[in-house]
Amino acid sequence: MANHVSALKRARQAEKRRARNRSALSAMKSEVKKLHAALSGKNVELTKTTLKAAISSLTRTAAKGIIPKKRAARKISRLTLKANKTAVV
């Protein structure tokens, strides 16, 4: 555990940041799970709305630096491909 005043402050800041990041990451994962559920349901309208929400969540999470930008781009690409396949069928 930290002993110096500045080290204690950094530990407090890191804990706050960690909690904020975990919350945002959890929200992003929830949006992606909702999209996967919509994809399995074969509902085109629901898929479109949940895809839009998932893309927004992924982009926002990457912009905050919680996940790498390229990971977000890769996930968005893959989810969009799956959604487009569902819409065609």
N, C-alpha and C. Protein backbone atom coordinates (compact mmCIF):
# COMPACT_ATOMS: atom_id res chain seq x y z
N MET A 1 0.84 -1.19 0.00
CA MET A 1 0.00 0.00 0.00
C MET A 1 0.88 1.24 0.00
N ALA A 2 0.36 2.30 -0.59
CA ALA A 2 1.11 3.55 -0.70
C ALA A 2 1.23 4.23 0.65
N ASN A 3 2.36 4.92 0.85
CA ASN A 3 2.59 5.63 2.11
C ASN A 3 2.62 7.14 1.94
N HIS A 4 3.12 7.63 0.83
CA HIS A 4 3.22 9.07 0.63
C HIS A 4 1.86 9.64 0.25
N VAL A 5 1.69 10.90 0.55
CA VAL A 5 0.42 11.58 0.27
C VAL A 5 0.09 11.52 -1.21
N SER A 6 1.09 11.80 -2.04
CA SER A 6 0.85 11.80 -3.48
C SER A 6 0.53 10.40 -3.99
N ALA A 7 1.18 9.39 -3.43
CA ALA A 7 0.91 8.01 -3.83
C ALA A 7 -0.49 7.58 -3.41
N LEU A 8 -0.92 8.04 -2.24
CA LEU A 8 -2.27 7.73 -1.77
C LEU A 8 -3.31 8.37 -2.70
N LYS A 9 -3.04 9.61 -3.11
CA LYS A 9 -3.96 10.30 -4.02
C LYS A 9 -4.02 9.56 -5.35
N ARG A 10 -2.88 9.15 -5.90
CA ARG A 10 -2.85 8.42 -7.17
C ARG A 10 -3.64 7.11 -7.04
N ALA A 11 -3.54 6.45 -5.89
CA ALA A 11 -4.28 5.20 -5.69
C ALA A 11 -5.78 5.47 -5.69
N ARG A 12 -6.20 6.57 -5.05
CA ARG A 12 -7.63 6.93 -5.05
C ARG A 12 -8.11 7.24 -6.46
N GLN A 13 -7.31 7.99 -7.21
CA GLN A 13 -7.67 8.34 -8.58
C GLN A 13 -7.76 7.10 -9.46
N ALA A 14 -6.80 6.20 -9.28
CA ALA A 14 -6.79 4.97 -10.08
C ALA A 14 -8.03 4.13 -9.80
N GLU A 15 -8.46 4.09 -8.54
CA GLU A 15 -9.64 3.31 -8.17
C GLU A 15 -10.90 3.91 -8.80
N LYS A 16 -11.01 5.23 -8.79
CA LYS A 16 -12.16 5.89 -9.42
C LYS A 16 -12.18 5.60 -10.92
N ARG A 17 -11.00 5.73 -11.54
CA ARG A 17 -10.88 5.50 -12.97
C ARG A 17 -11.24 4.06 -13.31
N ARG A 18 -10.77 3.13 -12.50
CA ARG A 18 -11.05 1.71 -12.72
C ARG A 18 -12.55 1.44 -12.67
N ALA A 19 -13.22 2.01 -11.68
CA ALA A 19 -14.67 1.81 -11.54
C ALA A 19 -15.41 2.38 -12.74
N ARG A 20 -14.99 3.57 -13.19
CA ARG A 20 -15.63 4.21 -14.35
C ARG A 20 -15.42 3.38 -15.61
N ASN A 21 -14.19 2.90 -15.79
CA ASN A 21 -13.88 2.09 -16.98
C ASN A 21 -14.64 0.77 -16.97
N ARG A 22 -14.72 0.12 -15.81
CA ARG A 22 -15.44 -1.15 -15.72
C ARG A 22 -16.92 -0.96 -16.04
N SER A 23 -17.49 0.14 -15.58
CA SER A 23 -18.90 0.42 -15.85
C SER A 23 -19.15 0.61 -17.34
N ALA A 24 -18.28 1.38 -17.98
CA ALA A 24 -18.43 1.63 -19.42
C ALA A 24 -18.22 0.36 -20.22
N LEU A 25 -17.25 -0.45 -19.81
CA LEU A 25 -16.97 -1.71 -20.50
C LEU A 25 -18.15 -2.67 -20.37
N SER A 26 -18.73 -2.71 -19.18
CA SER A 26 -19.88 -3.58 -18.94
C SER A 26 -21.08 -3.14 -19.79
N ALA A 27 -21.30 -1.84 -19.88
CA ALA A 27 -22.41 -1.32 -20.69
C ALA A 27 -22.21 -1.67 -22.16
N MET A 28 -20.96 -1.56 -22.63
CA MET A 28 -20.66 -1.90 -24.02
C MET A 28 -20.93 -3.37 -24.29
N LYS A 29 -20.48 -4.22 -23.39
CA LYS A 29 -20.69 -5.66 -23.56
C LYS A 29 -22.17 -6.00 -23.55
N SER A 30 -22.95 -5.31 -22.74
CA SER A 30 -24.40 -5.54 -22.69
C SER A 30 -25.05 -5.21 -24.02
N GLU A 31 -24.62 -4.10 -24.63
CA GLU A 31 -25.17 -3.72 -25.93
C GLU A 31 -24.84 -4.77 -27.00
N VAL A 32 -23.63 -5.30 -26.96
CA VAL A 32 -23.22 -6.32 -27.93
C VAL A 32 -24.03 -7.61 -27.71
N LYS A 33 -24.27 -7.95 -26.45
CA LYS A 33 -25.07 -9.15 -26.15
C LYS A 33 -26.50 -8.98 -26.64
N LYS A 34 -27.05 -7.77 -26.49
CA LYS A 34 -28.41 -7.51 -26.98
C LYS A 34 -28.46 -7.69 -28.50
N LEU A 35 -27.41 -7.25 -29.17
CA LEU A 35 -27.35 -7.41 -30.63
C LEU A 35 -27.29 -8.88 -31.01
N HIS A 36 -26.49 -9.66 -30.31
CA HIS A 36 -26.41 -11.10 -30.60
C HIS A 36 -27.77 -11.76 -30.39
N ALA A 37 -28.49 -11.35 -29.36
CA ALA A 37 -29.83 -11.89 -29.12
C ALA A 37 -30.77 -11.52 -30.26
N ALA A 38 -30.68 -10.28 -30.74
CA ALA A 38 -31.52 -9.83 -31.85
C ALA A 38 -31.16 -10.57 -33.13
N LEU A 39 -29.88 -10.84 -33.34
CA LEU A 39 -29.45 -11.58 -34.53
C LEU A 39 -30.00 -13.00 -34.52
N SER A 40 -30.02 -13.63 -33.36
CA SER A 40 -30.54 -15.00 -33.29
C SER A 40 -32.05 -15.04 -33.45
N GLY A 41 -32.72 -13.91 -33.15
CA GLY A 41 -34.17 -13.83 -33.27
C GLY A 41 -34.65 -13.60 -34.69
N LYS A 42 -33.75 -13.23 -35.60
CA LYS A 42 -34.07 -12.99 -37.02
C LYS A 42 -35.03 -11.82 -37.22
N ASN A 43 -35.12 -10.90 -36.26
CA ASN A 43 -35.97 -9.74 -36.39
C ASN A 43 -35.15 -8.60 -37.00
N VAL A 44 -35.46 -8.20 -38.22
CA VAL A 44 -34.65 -7.23 -38.96
C VAL A 44 -34.70 -5.85 -38.31
N GLU A 45 -35.88 -5.39 -37.95
CA GLU A 45 -36.00 -4.05 -37.35
C GLU A 45 -35.28 -3.96 -36.01
N LEU A 46 -35.46 -4.98 -35.18
CA LEU A 46 -34.77 -5.00 -33.88
C LEU A 46 -33.27 -5.07 -34.07
N THR A 47 -32.83 -5.82 -35.07
CA THR A 47 -31.40 -5.93 -35.37
C THR A 47 -30.83 -4.57 -35.76
N LYS A 48 -31.56 -3.83 -36.58
CA LYS A 48 -31.08 -2.51 -37.02
C LYS A 48 -30.90 -1.56 -35.84
N THR A 49 -31.88 -1.53 -34.96
CA THR A 49 -31.81 -0.60 -33.83
C THR A 49 -30.72 -1.01 -32.84
N THR A 50 -30.62 -2.30 -32.58
CA THR A 50 -29.59 -2.74 -31.63
C THR A 50 -28.19 -2.63 -32.23
N LEU A 51 -28.07 -2.79 -33.55
CA LEU A 51 -26.77 -2.60 -34.20
C LEU A 51 -26.32 -1.16 -34.06
N LYS A 52 -27.23 -0.23 -34.27
CA LYS A 52 -26.90 1.18 -34.14
C LYS A 52 -26.44 1.50 -32.71
N ALA A 53 -27.14 0.95 -31.71
CA ALA A 53 -26.77 1.18 -30.31
C ALA A 53 -25.42 0.55 -29.98
N ALA A 54 -25.17 -0.65 -30.51
CA ALA A 54 -23.91 -1.34 -30.24
C ALA A 54 -22.73 -0.60 -30.87
N ILE A 55 -22.91 -0.11 -32.10
CA ILE A 55 -21.84 0.64 -32.76
C ILE A 55 -21.54 1.92 -31.98
N SER A 56 -22.57 2.60 -31.55
CA SER A 56 -22.40 3.82 -30.77
C SER A 56 -21.64 3.53 -29.48
N SER A 57 -22.02 2.47 -28.81
CA SER A 57 -21.37 2.10 -27.55
C SER A 57 -19.91 1.73 -27.76
N LEU A 58 -19.63 0.95 -28.81
CA LEU A 58 -18.25 0.57 -29.11
C LEU A 58 -17.39 1.79 -29.45
N THR A 59 -17.93 2.68 -30.25
CA THR A 59 -17.21 3.89 -30.64
C THR A 59 -16.91 4.77 -29.43
N ARG A 60 -17.91 4.93 -28.58
CA ARG A 60 -17.75 5.76 -27.39
C ARG A 60 -16.70 5.17 -26.45
N THR A 61 -16.74 3.85 -26.28
CA THR A 61 -15.78 3.19 -25.40
C THR A 61 -14.36 3.33 -25.94
N ALA A 62 -14.20 3.23 -27.26
CA ALA A 62 -12.88 3.38 -27.87
C ALA A 62 -12.40 4.83 -27.77
N ALA A 63 -13.30 5.77 -27.94
CA ALA A 63 -12.93 7.18 -27.87
C ALA A 63 -12.42 7.55 -26.47
N LYS A 64 -12.97 6.91 -25.47
CA LYS A 64 -12.54 7.17 -24.09
C LYS A 64 -11.23 6.46 -23.76
N GLY A 65 -10.78 5.58 -24.66
CA GLY A 65 -9.53 4.88 -24.43
C GLY A 65 -9.67 3.63 -23.57
N ILE A 66 -10.88 3.17 -23.38
CA ILE A 66 -11.11 1.99 -22.55
C ILE A 66 -10.74 0.73 -23.31
N ILE A 67 -11.06 0.72 -24.61
CA ILE A 67 -10.60 -0.37 -25.49
C ILE A 67 -9.84 0.27 -26.65
N PRO A 68 -8.95 -0.47 -27.28
CA PRO A 68 -8.22 0.10 -28.43
C PRO A 68 -9.16 0.40 -29.60
N LYS A 69 -8.86 1.45 -30.34
CA LYS A 69 -9.69 1.86 -31.47
C LYS A 69 -9.79 0.77 -32.54
N LYS A 70 -8.70 0.06 -32.78
CA LYS A 70 -8.73 -0.99 -33.80
C LYS A 70 -9.60 -2.17 -33.36
N ARG A 71 -9.63 -2.47 -32.08
CA ARG A 71 -10.49 -3.54 -31.59
C ARG A 71 -11.95 -3.16 -31.80
N ALA A 72 -12.28 -1.90 -31.52
CA ALA A 72 -13.65 -1.43 -31.73
C ALA A 72 -14.02 -1.52 -33.21
N ALA A 73 -13.10 -1.10 -34.07
CA ALA A 73 -13.36 -1.15 -35.52
C ALA A 73 -13.58 -2.58 -35.98
N ARG A 74 -12.77 -3.50 -35.47
CA ARG A 74 -12.90 -4.91 -35.85
C ARG A 74 -14.24 -5.48 -35.40
N LYS A 75 -14.64 -5.16 -34.16
CA LYS A 75 -15.92 -5.65 -33.65
C LYS A 75 -17.10 -5.07 -34.43
N ILE A 76 -17.01 -3.77 -34.73
CA ILE A 76 -18.08 -3.12 -35.49
C ILE A 76 -18.20 -3.76 -36.86
N SER A 77 -17.07 -4.02 -37.49
CA SER A 77 -17.08 -4.64 -38.82
C SER A 77 -17.73 -6.02 -38.77
N ARG A 78 -17.32 -6.82 -37.82
CA ARG A 78 -17.86 -8.18 -37.73
C ARG A 78 -19.34 -8.19 -37.40
N LEU A 79 -19.76 -7.32 -36.48
CA LEU A 79 -21.17 -7.26 -36.12
C LEU A 79 -22.03 -6.77 -37.29
N THR A 80 -21.50 -5.81 -38.04
CA THR A 80 -22.23 -5.29 -39.19
C THR A 80 -22.39 -6.37 -40.26
N LEU A 81 -21.33 -7.14 -40.49
CA LEU A 81 -21.43 -8.25 -41.45
C LEU A 81 -22.49 -9.25 -41.04
N LYS A 82 -22.51 -9.61 -39.75
CA LYS A 82 -23.52 -10.56 -39.26
C LYS A 82 -24.93 -9.99 -39.41
N ALA A 83 -25.08 -8.71 -39.10
CA ALA A 83 -26.40 -8.07 -39.20
C ALA A 83 -26.86 -8.02 -40.66
N ASN A 84 -25.94 -7.73 -41.57
CA ASN A 84 -26.30 -7.67 -42.99
C ASN A 84 -26.70 -9.05 -43.51
N LYS A 85 -26.03 -10.10 -43.06
CA LYS A 85 -26.40 -11.45 -43.46
C LYS A 85 -27.80 -11.80 -42.97
N THR A 86 -28.12 -11.38 -41.75
CA THR A 86 -29.44 -11.65 -41.18
C THR A 86 -30.51 -10.90 -41.96
N ALA A 87 -30.21 -9.65 -42.35
CA ALA A 87 -31.18 -8.84 -43.07
C ALA A 87 -31.48 -9.41 -44.46
N VAL A 88 -30.48 -10.03 -45.08
CA VAL A 88 -30.66 -10.60 -46.43
C VAL A 88 -31.50 -11.86 -46.37
N VAL A 89 -31.31 -12.66 -45.36
CA VAL A 89 -32.01 -13.95 -45.27
C VAL A 89 -33.47 -13.78 -45.00
